[in-house]
Amino acid sequence: MVEEVVEIDVEIKTTADKFFMFARKSQNVSKATRYIEGCDLVQGELDKVGSIVLWKLLFDGEPRISKDRIEAINLENNVIQWRVLEGHLKRKFKSFLKTMRVSPKKGGPGSVVKWNMKYERIDENVAHLEGQLQFLTEVTKEVDRYLLSEE
C-alpha cells in the first residue's frame, strides 16, 4: 500500500501561541475536552522529542487509547508531531503520523490549527479518516472554547 495524507484546517479564536502552549502540555488537555479523558507520560519528559504519552480517548462514544511518541517539536512555528505506536489506529494502519501546526489567522484575530495525518493502511478495506478528522475538529473547538473561558 502507499502512504496517504489528509489535512484539515480548524479556525479558532484563541491566539496561536496560547493554543500551542496549552496543547504541548498534553496532561492539561483532558480539562478542556470531553474527548480526551487523560494523558499519561509513559517515558521521557513531557514536551520533549522522543517522549511517549498514552492518550485515553473517547471516540464515537467508545473508550480508546493511543500510545504516541513525540517525533518533532518546532517552537518557532508552533508545530508538534506524534507517531502512533499502539492503540486502535495501529491495528488498522501500518504507520500513522499526526502533525498539528497552529498559525495566526491572516487578516484578523484568532488562529488556524492545521491537522495533518500521514498514514499507510494495512489493506484497502480500511476506511479513510473522516471520523478521525471530525474527532480532531471537535477536540480543537472544545479546547478553544475552554481557553477563551479562561480569559
C-alpha atoms as a PDB file:
ATOM      1  CA  MET A   1       0.000   0.000   0.000  1.00  0.00           C
ATOM      2  CA  VAL A   2       1.019   3.586  -0.481  1.00  0.00           C
ATOM      3  CA  GLU A   3       1.327   6.340   2.102  1.00  0.00           C
ATOM      4  CA  GLU A   4      -1.663   8.707   2.129  1.00  0.00           C
ATOM      5  CA  VAL A   5      -2.166  12.177   3.600  1.00  0.00           C
ATOM      6  CA  VAL A   6      -5.246  14.025   4.844  1.00  0.00           C
ATOM      7  CA  GLU A   7      -5.435  17.506   6.314  1.00  0.00           C
ATOM      8  CA  ILE A   8      -7.991  19.739   7.913  1.00  0.00           C
ATOM      9  CA  ASP A   9      -7.871  23.391   8.965  1.00  0.00           C
ATOM     10  CA  VAL A  10      -9.827  24.443  12.044  1.00  0.00           C
ATOM     11  CA  GLU A  11     -10.301  28.158  12.694  1.00  0.00           C
ATOM     12  CA  ILE A  12     -10.201  29.168  16.353  1.00  0.00           C
ATOM     13  CA  LYS A  13     -10.430  32.429  18.311  1.00  0.00           C
ATOM     14  CA  THR A  14      -7.513  31.734  20.673  1.00  0.00           C
ATOM     15  CA  THR A  15      -4.081  33.100  19.770  1.00  0.00           C
ATOM     16  CA  ALA A  16      -1.694  30.643  18.129  1.00  0.00           C
ATOM     17  CA  ASP A  17       0.880  30.844  20.927  1.00  0.00           C
ATOM     18  CA  LYS A  18      -1.679  30.272  23.687  1.00  0.00           C
ATOM     19  CA  PHE A  19      -3.307  27.313  21.952  1.00  0.00           C
ATOM     20  CA  PHE A  20       0.017  25.705  21.084  1.00  0.00           C
ATOM     21  CA  MET A  21       1.401  26.154  24.604  1.00  0.00           C
ATOM     22  CA  PHE A  22      -1.699  24.510  26.064  1.00  0.00           C
ATOM     23  CA  ALA A  23      -1.625  21.615  23.570  1.00  0.00           C
ATOM     24  CA  ARG A  24       2.082  20.970  24.222  1.00  0.00           C
ATOM     25  CA  LYS A  25       1.337  20.411  27.889  1.00  0.00           C
ATOM     26  CA  SER A  26      -0.663  17.302  26.977  1.00  0.00           C
ATOM     27  CA  GLN A  27      -1.707  16.456  30.506  1.00  0.00           C
ATOM     28  CA  ASN A  28      -3.831  19.630  30.692  1.00  0.00           C
ATOM     29  CA  VAL A  29      -5.933  18.841  27.623  1.00  0.00           C
ATOM     30  CA  SER A  30      -8.321  16.492  29.451  1.00  0.00           C
ATOM     31  CA  LYS A  31      -9.587  19.515  31.430  1.00  0.00           C
ATOM     32  CA  ALA A  32     -10.673  21.202  28.209  1.00  0.00           C
ATOM     33  CA  THR A  33     -12.484  18.497  26.239  1.00  0.00           C
ATOM     34  CA  ARG A  34     -14.725  15.537  26.909  1.00  0.00           C
ATOM     35  CA  TYR A  35     -12.994  13.597  24.113  1.00  0.00           C
ATOM     36  CA  ILE A  36      -9.693  13.260  25.964  1.00  0.00           C
ATOM     37  CA  GLU A  37     -10.116  11.553  29.315  1.00  0.00           C
ATOM     38  CA  GLY A  38      -6.445  11.617  30.217  1.00  0.00           C
ATOM     39  CA  CYS A  39      -2.879  11.734  29.042  1.00  0.00           C
ATOM     40  CA  ASP A  40      -0.110   9.942  30.921  1.00  0.00           C
ATOM     41  CA  LEU A  41       3.605  10.357  30.391  1.00  0.00           C
ATOM     42  CA  VAL A  42       4.992   6.846  29.803  1.00  0.00           C
ATOM     43  CA  GLN A  43       8.614   7.675  29.008  1.00  0.00           C
ATOM     44  CA  GLY A  44      10.825  10.752  28.826  1.00  0.00           C
ATOM     45  CA  GLU A  45       9.879  14.316  29.688  1.00  0.00           C
ATOM     46  CA  LEU A  46       6.612  15.978  28.814  1.00  0.00           C
ATOM     47  CA  ASP A  47       7.065  18.272  25.842  1.00  0.00           C
ATOM     48  CA  LYS A  48      10.331  16.662  24.651  1.00  0.00           C
ATOM     49  CA  VAL A  49      11.093  14.839  21.397  1.00  0.00           C
ATOM     50  CA  GLY A  50      11.275  11.090  21.954  1.00  0.00           C
ATOM     51  CA  SER A  51       8.876  11.124  24.890  1.00  0.00           C
ATOM     52  CA  ILE A  52       5.982   8.678  24.873  1.00  0.00           C
ATOM     53  CA  VAL A  53       2.471   9.592  26.004  1.00  0.00           C
ATOM     54  CA  LEU A  54      -0.608   7.424  26.491  1.00  0.00           C
ATOM     55  CA  TRP A  55      -3.812   9.182  25.441  1.00  0.00           C
ATOM     56  CA  LYS A  56      -7.118   7.966  26.910  1.00  0.00           C
ATOM     57  CA  LEU A  57      -9.744   8.993  24.386  1.00  0.00           C
ATOM     58  CA  LEU A  58     -13.488   8.869  23.885  1.00  0.00           C
ATOM     59  CA  PHE A  59     -14.007   8.273  20.155  1.00  0.00           C
ATOM     60  CA  ASP A  60     -17.531   7.736  18.801  1.00  0.00           C
ATOM     61  CA  GLY A  61     -18.665   7.151  22.380  1.00  0.00           C
ATOM     62  CA  GLU A  62     -16.142   4.344  22.911  1.00  0.00           C
ATOM     63  CA  PRO A  63     -13.057   4.476  25.140  1.00  0.00           C
ATOM     64  CA  ARG A  64      -9.823   4.086  23.191  1.00  0.00           C
ATOM     65  CA  ILE A  65      -6.132   4.544  23.795  1.00  0.00           C
ATOM     66  CA  SER A  66      -3.318   5.814  21.656  1.00  0.00           C
ATOM     67  CA  LYS A  67       0.295   5.422  22.696  1.00  0.00           C
ATOM     68  CA  ASP A  68       2.269   8.064  20.804  1.00  0.00           C
ATOM     69  CA  ARG A  69       5.891   9.167  20.593  1.00  0.00           C
ATOM     70  CA  ILE A  70       6.647  12.854  20.113  1.00  0.00           C
ATOM     71  CA  GLU A  71       8.567  12.903  16.830  1.00  0.00           C
ATOM     72  CA  ALA A  72       9.169  16.636  16.486  1.00  0.00           C
ATOM     73  CA  ILE A  73       8.502  19.952  18.187  1.00  0.00           C
ATOM     74  CA  ASN A  74       9.124  23.287  16.487  1.00  0.00           C
ATOM     75  CA  LEU A  75       8.537  26.084  18.988  1.00  0.00           C
ATOM     76  CA  GLU A  76       9.167  28.830  16.443  1.00  0.00           C
ATOM     77  CA  ASN A  77       6.444  27.591  14.085  1.00  0.00           C
ATOM     78  CA  ASN A  78       4.063  26.088  16.694  1.00  0.00           C
ATOM     79  CA  VAL A  79       4.336  22.545  15.324  1.00  0.00           C
ATOM     80  CA  ILE A  80       4.205  19.239  17.158  1.00  0.00           C
ATOM     81  CA  GLN A  81       4.226  15.780  15.628  1.00  0.00           C
ATOM     82  CA  TRP A  82       3.245  12.440  17.156  1.00  0.00           C
ATOM     83  CA  ARG A  83       3.791   8.904  15.795  1.00  0.00           C
ATOM     84  CA  VAL A  84       1.202   6.331  16.860  1.00  0.00           C
ATOM     85  CA  LEU A  85       2.914   3.313  18.421  1.00  0.00           C
ATOM     86  CA  GLU A  86      -0.031   1.363  19.872  1.00  0.00           C
ATOM     87  CA  GLY A  87      -3.798   1.516  20.057  1.00  0.00           C
ATOM     88  CA  HIS A  88      -6.852   1.356  17.817  1.00  0.00           C
ATOM     89  CA  LEU A  89      -5.256   3.210  14.885  1.00  0.00           C
ATOM     90  CA  LYS A  90      -2.215   0.943  14.917  1.00  0.00           C
ATOM     91  CA  ARG A  91      -4.475  -2.070  14.354  1.00  0.00           C
ATOM     92  CA  LYS A  92      -5.721  -0.545  11.094  1.00  0.00           C
ATOM     93  CA  PHE A  93      -2.648   1.277   9.851  1.00  0.00           C
ATOM     94  CA  LYS A  94       0.958   0.181   9.303  1.00  0.00           C
ATOM     95  CA  SER A  95       2.099   3.699  10.114  1.00  0.00           C
ATOM     96  CA  PHE A  96       0.328   6.778  11.402  1.00  0.00           C
ATOM     97  CA  LEU A  97       1.861  10.231  11.936  1.00  0.00           C
ATOM     98  CA  LYS A  98      -0.172  13.198  13.266  1.00  0.00           C
ATOM     99  CA  THR A  99       1.073  16.767  12.910  1.00  0.00           C
ATOM    100  CA  MET A 100      -0.505  19.864  14.458  1.00  0.00           C
ATOM    101  CA  ARG A 101       0.526  23.356  13.281  1.00  0.00           C
ATOM    102  CA  VAL A 102      -1.016  26.455  14.863  1.00  0.00           C
ATOM    103  CA  SER A 103      -0.694  29.695  12.890  1.00  0.00           C
ATOM    104  CA  PRO A 104      -2.075  33.198  13.396  1.00  0.00           C
ATOM    105  CA  LYS A 105      -5.038  33.815  11.120  1.00  0.00           C
ATOM    106  CA  LYS A 106      -4.155  36.093   8.231  1.00  0.00           C
ATOM    107  CA  GLY A 107      -6.065  39.362   8.215  1.00  0.00           C
ATOM    108  CA  GLY A 108      -7.803  39.024  11.540  1.00  0.00           C
ATOM    109  CA  PRO A 109      -7.825  37.815  15.117  1.00  0.00           C
ATOM    110  CA  GLY A 110      -7.586  34.169  16.044  1.00  0.00           C
ATOM    111  CA  SER A 111      -5.652  31.279  14.596  1.00  0.00           C
ATOM    112  CA  VAL A 112      -5.818  28.272  12.328  1.00  0.00           C
ATOM    113  CA  VAL A 113      -4.997  24.803  13.610  1.00  0.00           C
ATOM    114  CA  LYS A 114      -3.888  22.578  10.732  1.00  0.00           C
ATOM    115  CA  TRP A 115      -4.033  18.863  11.399  1.00  0.00           C
ATOM    116  CA  ASN A 116      -2.090  16.626   9.025  1.00  0.00           C
ATOM    117  CA  MET A 117      -2.197  12.847   9.125  1.00  0.00           C
ATOM    118  CA  LYS A 118       0.159  10.657   7.095  1.00  0.00           C
ATOM    119  CA  TYR A 119      -0.729   7.018   7.169  1.00  0.00           C
ATOM    120  CA  GLU A 120      -0.422   3.708   5.422  1.00  0.00           C
ATOM    121  CA  ARG A 121      -3.459   1.452   5.569  1.00  0.00           C
ATOM    122  CA  ILE A 122      -2.947  -2.247   6.262  1.00  0.00           C
ATOM    123  CA  ASP A 123      -5.221  -3.058   3.312  1.00  0.00           C
ATOM    124  CA  GLU A 124      -7.690  -1.321   1.017  1.00  0.00           C
ATOM    125  CA  ASN A 125     -10.648  -2.383   3.200  1.00  0.00           C
ATOM    126  CA  VAL A 126      -9.579   0.018   5.953  1.00  0.00           C
ATOM    127  CA  ALA A 127     -11.781   3.105   5.809  1.00  0.00           C
ATOM    128  CA  HIS A 128     -10.444   6.568   5.171  1.00  0.00           C
ATOM    129  CA  LEU A 129     -10.169   9.017   8.053  1.00  0.00           C
ATOM    130  CA  GLU A 130     -13.363  11.100   8.002  1.00  0.00           C
ATOM    131  CA  GLY A 131     -14.147  10.108  11.600  1.00  0.00           C
ATOM    132  CA  GLN A 132     -10.634  10.977  12.749  1.00  0.00           C
ATOM    133  CA  LEU A 133     -10.835  14.399  11.057  1.00  0.00           C
ATOM    134  CA  GLN A 134     -14.173  15.088  12.777  1.00  0.00           C
ATOM    135  CA  PHE A 135     -12.698  13.989  16.122  1.00  0.00           C
ATOM    136  CA  LEU A 136      -9.726  16.358  15.797  1.00  0.00           C
ATOM    137  CA  THR A 137     -12.031  19.201  14.735  1.00  0.00           C
ATOM    138  CA  GLU A 138     -14.269  18.715  17.791  1.00  0.00           C
ATOM    139  CA  VAL A 139     -11.314  18.428  20.181  1.00  0.00           C
ATOM    140  CA  THR A 140      -9.789  21.616  18.738  1.00  0.00           C
ATOM    141  CA  LYS A 141     -13.047  23.569  19.054  1.00  0.00           C
ATOM    142  CA  GLU A 142     -13.638  22.406  22.634  1.00  0.00           C
ATOM    143  CA  VAL A 143     -10.088  23.360  23.670  1.00  0.00           C
ATOM    144  CA  ASP A 144     -10.590  26.756  22.009  1.00  0.00           C
ATOM    145  CA  ARG A 145     -13.825  27.347  23.980  1.00  0.00           C
ATOM    146  CA  TYR A 146     -12.089  26.293  27.200  1.00  0.00           C
ATOM    147  CA  LEU A 147      -9.145  28.645  26.628  1.00  0.00           C
ATOM    148  CA  LEU A 148     -11.492  31.543  25.808  1.00  0.00           C
ATOM    149  CA  SER A 149     -13.453  30.924  29.011  1.00  0.00           C
ATOM    150  CA  GLU A 150     -10.203  31.177  30.990  1.00  0.00           C
ATOM    151  CA  GLU A 151      -9.570  34.773  29.833  1.00  0.00           C
END
